[in-house]
Amino acid sequence: MAGPRMDGLVALISGGARGQGAAEARRFVEEGASVVVGDILDDEGKALADELGDACTFVHLDVTDFDQWTAAVEETERIYGKLDVLVNNAGILKFGGIRDTSIEDFELIHRVNTLGTFLGMKAAVPAMRKAGGGSIVNISSIEGIRGMKGVLPYTASKFAVTGMTKSVALEVAKYGIRVNSVHPGAVDTPMTQPLGDMTEINKRYVPAGRACTSEEVADLVVYLASPESRYCTGSEFVIDGGATAGSTFSAM
């Protein structure tokens, strides 16, 4: 019988204190990995680390600060000896179109979603080269492969994550480092709660008829973090219940 899918791997997950990031941390530990959870939510992050035991450590991490990224990577190496996996999970969502998005809000979204992802990769790549390779999983969105009215700054930031993923994947493949992006549809997490009742929204707009769960996204991230996906790099992995498959309008 095969052993845990991530046995012996060491991962750093940004935005890992709650929601989707916490689900990823739990799944990683279940699959044999050691995990460092980085977040600005100190109390929730420490509680998660206590729950998961010696296989999980919490570090304070503001993803817009490169010094904090550097410290998080160094702490990962100090405690667990190396860094094999980075999950750029941290992100924020703000609504607005071209008329009502302020310059300040546009810049804030890009500082967290775009700059944060860039800084994470910049800090992690040297450590992964020392480890002999690794896997970077950037959490984008279906709004990183299609447009959506009313979420201009978020959509722009997630398209940037998609593009950075491909560019960095081409650059670091020679070091045995893979870089892929994950594109969830609507996931029922604290970030999406301002949208309203996710059950009713997904019954109307998603062929599968429901929201994705954090645990389902985590299952996909486990695949990309593990050796099972060793021939995958520079690719988009969509998990959206069919939302981007095409129009559901029919005259039949």
Protein backbone atom coordinates (compact mmCIF):
# COMPACT_ATOMS: atom_id res chain seq x y z
CA MET A 1 0.00 0.00 0.00
CA ALA A 2 1.33 3.43 -0.93
CA GLY A 3 2.38 5.72 1.88
CA PRO A 4 1.36 9.35 2.44
CA ARG A 5 1.46 11.36 -0.77
CA MET A 6 3.66 14.13 0.68
CA ASP A 7 5.81 12.07 3.02
CA GLY A 8 8.90 14.02 4.08
CA LEU A 9 8.03 17.21 2.19
CA VAL A 10 8.18 20.64 3.82
CA ALA A 11 5.69 23.33 2.80
CA LEU A 12 5.08 27.02 3.44
CA ILE A 13 1.49 28.25 3.00
CA SER A 14 0.66 31.96 2.99
CA GLY A 15 -2.76 33.03 4.23
CA GLY A 16 -2.92 29.69 5.97
CA ALA A 17 -4.60 30.59 9.25
CA ARG A 18 -8.19 30.00 8.16
CA GLY A 19 -10.44 29.04 5.27
CA GLN A 20 -8.82 27.53 2.21
CA GLY A 21 -5.27 27.91 3.54
CA ALA A 22 -6.11 26.10 6.78
CA ALA A 23 -7.74 23.28 4.79
CA GLU A 24 -4.55 22.97 2.75
CA ALA A 25 -2.42 22.84 5.90
CA ARG A 26 -4.58 20.07 7.38
CA ARG A 27 -4.46 18.01 4.19
CA PHE A 28 -0.69 18.44 3.87
CA VAL A 29 -0.15 17.17 7.41
CA GLU A 30 -2.51 14.24 6.76
CA GLU A 31 -0.36 13.36 3.76
CA GLY A 32 2.90 13.36 5.70
CA ALA A 33 4.21 16.89 5.15
CA SER A 34 5.57 19.37 7.65
CA VAL A 35 3.93 22.76 7.25
CA VAL A 36 4.72 26.35 8.11
CA VAL A 37 1.60 28.50 8.10
CA GLY A 38 2.12 32.20 7.45
CA ASP A 39 -0.55 34.82 8.08
CA ILE A 40 -1.28 38.17 9.69
CA LEU A 41 -4.00 36.49 11.78
CA ASP A 42 -1.77 35.51 14.68
CA ASP A 43 -4.36 34.03 17.05
CA GLU A 44 -6.00 31.86 14.40
CA GLY A 45 -2.64 30.79 12.99
CA LYS A 46 -1.31 29.78 16.41
CA ALA A 47 -4.51 27.85 17.15
CA LEU A 48 -4.15 25.92 13.89
CA ALA A 49 -0.52 25.10 14.64
CA ASP A 50 -1.51 23.87 18.11
CA GLU A 51 -4.21 21.70 16.54
CA LEU A 52 -1.81 20.11 14.05
CA GLY A 53 1.04 19.55 16.50
CA ASP A 54 4.75 19.23 15.78
CA ALA A 55 4.17 18.94 12.02
CA CYS A 56 2.95 22.56 11.86
CA THR A 57 4.51 25.88 12.85
CA PHE A 58 2.98 29.35 12.64
CA VAL A 59 4.89 32.46 11.56
CA HIS A 60 3.59 35.99 11.25
CA LEU A 61 3.66 36.88 7.55
CA ASP A 62 2.54 40.03 5.79
CA VAL A 63 2.90 38.95 2.16
CA THR A 64 3.55 42.51 0.98
CA ASP A 65 6.78 42.65 3.03
CA PHE A 66 9.80 40.88 1.46
CA ASP A 67 11.72 40.89 4.74
CA GLN A 68 8.90 38.90 6.34
CA TRP A 69 8.91 36.45 3.43
CA THR A 70 12.65 35.99 3.83
CA ALA A 71 12.23 35.41 7.55
CA ALA A 72 9.43 32.88 6.94
CA VAL A 73 11.57 30.88 4.51
CA GLU A 74 14.55 30.98 6.88
CA GLU A 75 12.38 29.82 9.78
CA THR A 76 11.03 26.97 7.65
CA GLU A 77 14.57 25.84 6.87
CA ARG A 78 15.68 26.25 10.49
CA ILE A 79 12.86 24.13 11.92
CA TYR A 80 12.35 21.54 9.20
CA GLY A 81 15.66 21.64 7.32
CA LYS A 82 14.48 22.64 3.85
CA LEU A 83 11.63 24.03 1.73
CA ASP A 84 9.99 21.84 -0.92
CA VAL A 85 6.59 23.43 -1.46
CA LEU A 86 5.24 26.98 -1.53
CA VAL A 87 1.52 27.69 -1.69
CA ASN A 88 0.81 31.34 -2.46
CA ASN A 89 -2.67 31.23 -0.97
CA ALA A 90 -3.04 34.68 0.61
CA GLY A 91 -5.45 36.96 -1.20
CA ILE A 92 -8.13 39.59 -0.74
CA LEU A 93 -11.28 40.45 -2.67
CA LYS A 94 -12.84 43.84 -3.32
CA PHE A 95 -15.71 44.62 -5.62
CA GLY A 96 -15.86 47.50 -8.08
CA GLY A 97 -15.79 48.46 -11.73
CA ILE A 98 -13.85 51.12 -13.62
CA ARG A 99 -16.01 53.96 -12.29
CA ASP A 100 -16.17 53.06 -8.62
CA THR A 101 -12.81 51.39 -7.92
CA SER A 102 -10.53 53.84 -6.13
CA ILE A 103 -6.85 54.01 -6.96
CA GLU A 104 -6.14 53.07 -3.35
CA ASP A 105 -8.28 49.92 -3.54
CA PHE A 106 -6.74 48.90 -6.86
CA GLU A 107 -3.25 49.27 -5.40
CA LEU A 108 -4.19 47.38 -2.22
CA ILE A 109 -5.55 44.38 -4.15
CA HIS A 110 -2.41 44.23 -6.27
CA ARG A 111 -0.09 44.60 -3.30
CA VAL A 112 -1.58 41.52 -1.64
CA ASN A 113 -2.60 39.34 -4.59
CA THR A 114 0.06 40.22 -7.17
CA LEU A 115 3.06 41.60 -5.29
CA GLY A 116 2.54 39.05 -2.49
CA THR A 117 2.70 36.17 -4.95
CA PHE A 118 5.79 37.61 -6.64
CA LEU A 119 7.60 38.11 -3.34
CA GLY A 120 6.72 34.59 -2.20
CA MET A 121 8.25 33.06 -5.31
CA LYS A 122 11.27 35.33 -5.10
CA ALA A 123 11.94 34.25 -1.50
CA ALA A 124 11.23 30.54 -2.07
CA VAL A 125 13.15 29.80 -5.29
CA PRO A 126 16.68 30.01 -3.76
CA ALA A 127 15.64 27.67 -0.93
CA MET A 128 14.11 25.21 -3.39
CA ARG A 129 17.25 25.26 -5.48
CA LYS A 130 19.20 24.28 -2.36
CA ALA A 131 16.69 21.49 -1.72
CA GLY A 132 17.16 20.16 -5.24
CA GLY A 133 13.76 21.17 -6.60
CA GLY A 134 10.24 21.87 -5.48
CA SER A 135 6.70 22.84 -6.32
CA ILE A 136 5.11 26.28 -6.24
CA VAL A 137 1.32 26.44 -6.30
CA ASN A 138 -0.16 29.88 -6.92
CA ILE A 139 -3.83 30.27 -6.04
CA SER A 140 -5.43 32.30 -8.81
CA SER A 141 -9.15 32.15 -9.66
CA ILE A 142 -11.49 31.57 -12.57
CA GLU A 143 -11.33 35.37 -12.67
CA GLY A 144 -7.70 34.83 -13.66
CA ILE A 145 -8.75 33.20 -16.94
CA ARG A 146 -11.95 35.09 -17.80
CA GLY A 147 -13.41 38.51 -17.18
CA MET A 148 -16.12 39.25 -14.63
CA LYS A 149 -18.15 42.41 -14.32
CA GLY A 150 -17.84 44.30 -11.07
CA VAL A 151 -14.60 42.82 -9.76
CA LEU A 152 -12.06 44.73 -11.85
CA PRO A 153 -9.14 44.97 -9.38
CA TYR A 154 -9.46 41.34 -8.28
CA THR A 155 -9.73 40.09 -11.86
CA ALA A 156 -6.69 42.10 -12.91
CA SER A 157 -4.66 40.75 -9.99
CA LYS A 158 -5.58 37.14 -10.68
CA PHE A 159 -4.72 37.44 -14.39
CA ALA A 160 -1.35 38.72 -13.21
CA VAL A 161 -0.91 35.63 -11.01
CA THR A 162 -1.69 33.41 -14.00
CA GLY A 163 0.89 35.18 -16.15
CA MET A 164 3.58 35.20 -13.48
CA THR A 165 3.06 31.48 -12.97
CA LYS A 166 3.87 30.73 -16.60
CA SER A 167 6.83 33.07 -16.76
CA VAL A 168 8.47 31.76 -13.59
CA ALA A 169 7.74 28.14 -14.56
CA LEU A 170 9.76 28.62 -17.74
CA GLU A 171 12.61 30.21 -15.80
CA VAL A 172 13.00 27.66 -13.00
CA ALA A 173 12.20 24.37 -14.74
CA LYS A 174 15.93 23.72 -15.18
CA TYR A 175 16.28 23.65 -11.38
CA GLY A 176 13.62 20.99 -10.95
CA ILE A 177 11.09 23.52 -9.66
CA ARG A 178 7.53 23.33 -10.94
CA VAL A 179 5.09 26.27 -10.88
CA ASN A 180 1.36 25.87 -11.48
CA SER A 181 -1.77 27.90 -10.81
CA VAL A 182 -5.07 26.77 -9.30
CA HIS A 183 -8.29 28.44 -10.45
CA PRO A 184 -11.21 27.88 -8.08
CA GLY A 185 -14.70 29.09 -8.81
CA ALA A 186 -16.78 30.33 -5.92
CA VAL A 187 -15.52 28.75 -2.70
CA ASP A 188 -17.52 29.16 0.49
CA THR A 189 -14.94 30.91 2.70
CA PRO A 190 -14.87 34.07 4.84
CA MET A 191 -13.54 36.00 1.80
CA THR A 192 -16.62 35.21 -0.33
CA GLN A 193 -19.27 35.74 2.35
CA PRO A 194 -19.98 39.33 1.21
CA LEU A 195 -21.37 37.83 -2.01
CA GLY A 196 -24.40 36.59 -0.09
CA ASP A 197 -25.96 33.13 0.10
CA MET A 198 -23.48 30.92 -1.75
CA THR A 199 -26.01 28.08 -1.98
CA GLU A 200 -28.49 30.16 -3.96
CA ILE A 201 -25.81 31.84 -6.08
CA ASN A 202 -24.35 28.52 -7.18
CA LYS A 203 -27.70 26.92 -7.89
CA ARG A 204 -28.24 29.69 -10.43
CA TYR A 205 -24.80 30.07 -12.01
CA VAL A 206 -22.76 26.86 -11.57
CA PRO A 207 -23.59 23.69 -13.52
CA ALA A 208 -22.62 21.56 -10.51
CA GLY A 209 -25.22 23.45 -8.52
CA ARG A 210 -23.11 24.21 -5.46
CA ALA A 211 -20.05 26.04 -4.21
CA CYS A 212 -16.67 24.37 -4.08
CA THR A 213 -15.40 23.51 -0.62
CA SER A 214 -12.02 24.47 0.77
CA GLU A 215 -11.27 20.78 1.22
CA GLU A 216 -11.84 20.10 -2.49
CA VAL A 217 -9.40 22.86 -3.45
CA ALA A 218 -6.94 21.44 -0.91
CA ASP A 219 -7.14 18.02 -2.58
CA LEU A 220 -6.07 19.59 -5.88
CA VAL A 221 -3.26 21.51 -4.19
CA VAL A 222 -2.00 18.26 -2.64
CA TYR A 223 -1.77 16.74 -6.12
CA LEU A 224 0.24 19.71 -7.42
CA ALA A 225 2.50 19.80 -4.37
CA SER A 226 3.23 16.07 -4.48
CA PRO A 227 5.41 14.03 -6.85
CA GLU A 228 2.22 12.80 -8.54
CA SER A 229 2.24 15.98 -10.66
CA ARG A 230 5.96 15.81 -11.47
CA TYR A 231 5.39 16.43 -15.21
CA CYS A 232 3.06 19.40 -14.69
CA THR A 233 4.42 22.93 -14.82
CA GLY A 234 3.29 26.29 -16.15
CA SER A 235 -0.31 25.09 -16.28
CA GLU A 236 -3.73 26.23 -15.06
CA PHE A 237 -5.80 23.78 -13.02
CA VAL A 238 -9.46 24.77 -12.92
CA ILE A 239 -11.82 23.63 -10.14
CA ASP A 240 -15.11 25.41 -10.72
CA GLY A 241 -18.00 22.96 -11.08
CA GLY A 242 -18.22 23.72 -14.78
CA ALA A 243 -18.60 27.50 -14.42
CA THR A 244 -16.10 28.29 -17.19
CA ALA A 245 -17.15 25.46 -19.52
CA GLY A 246 -19.43 27.75 -21.50
CA SER A 247 -22.81 29.38 -21.51
CA THR A 248 -25.76 27.53 -20.01
CA PHE A 249 -28.21 29.48 -22.20
CA SER A 250 -30.08 27.28 -24.66
CA ALA A 251 -32.99 27.83 -27.01
CA MET A 252 -33.72 24.09 -26.95
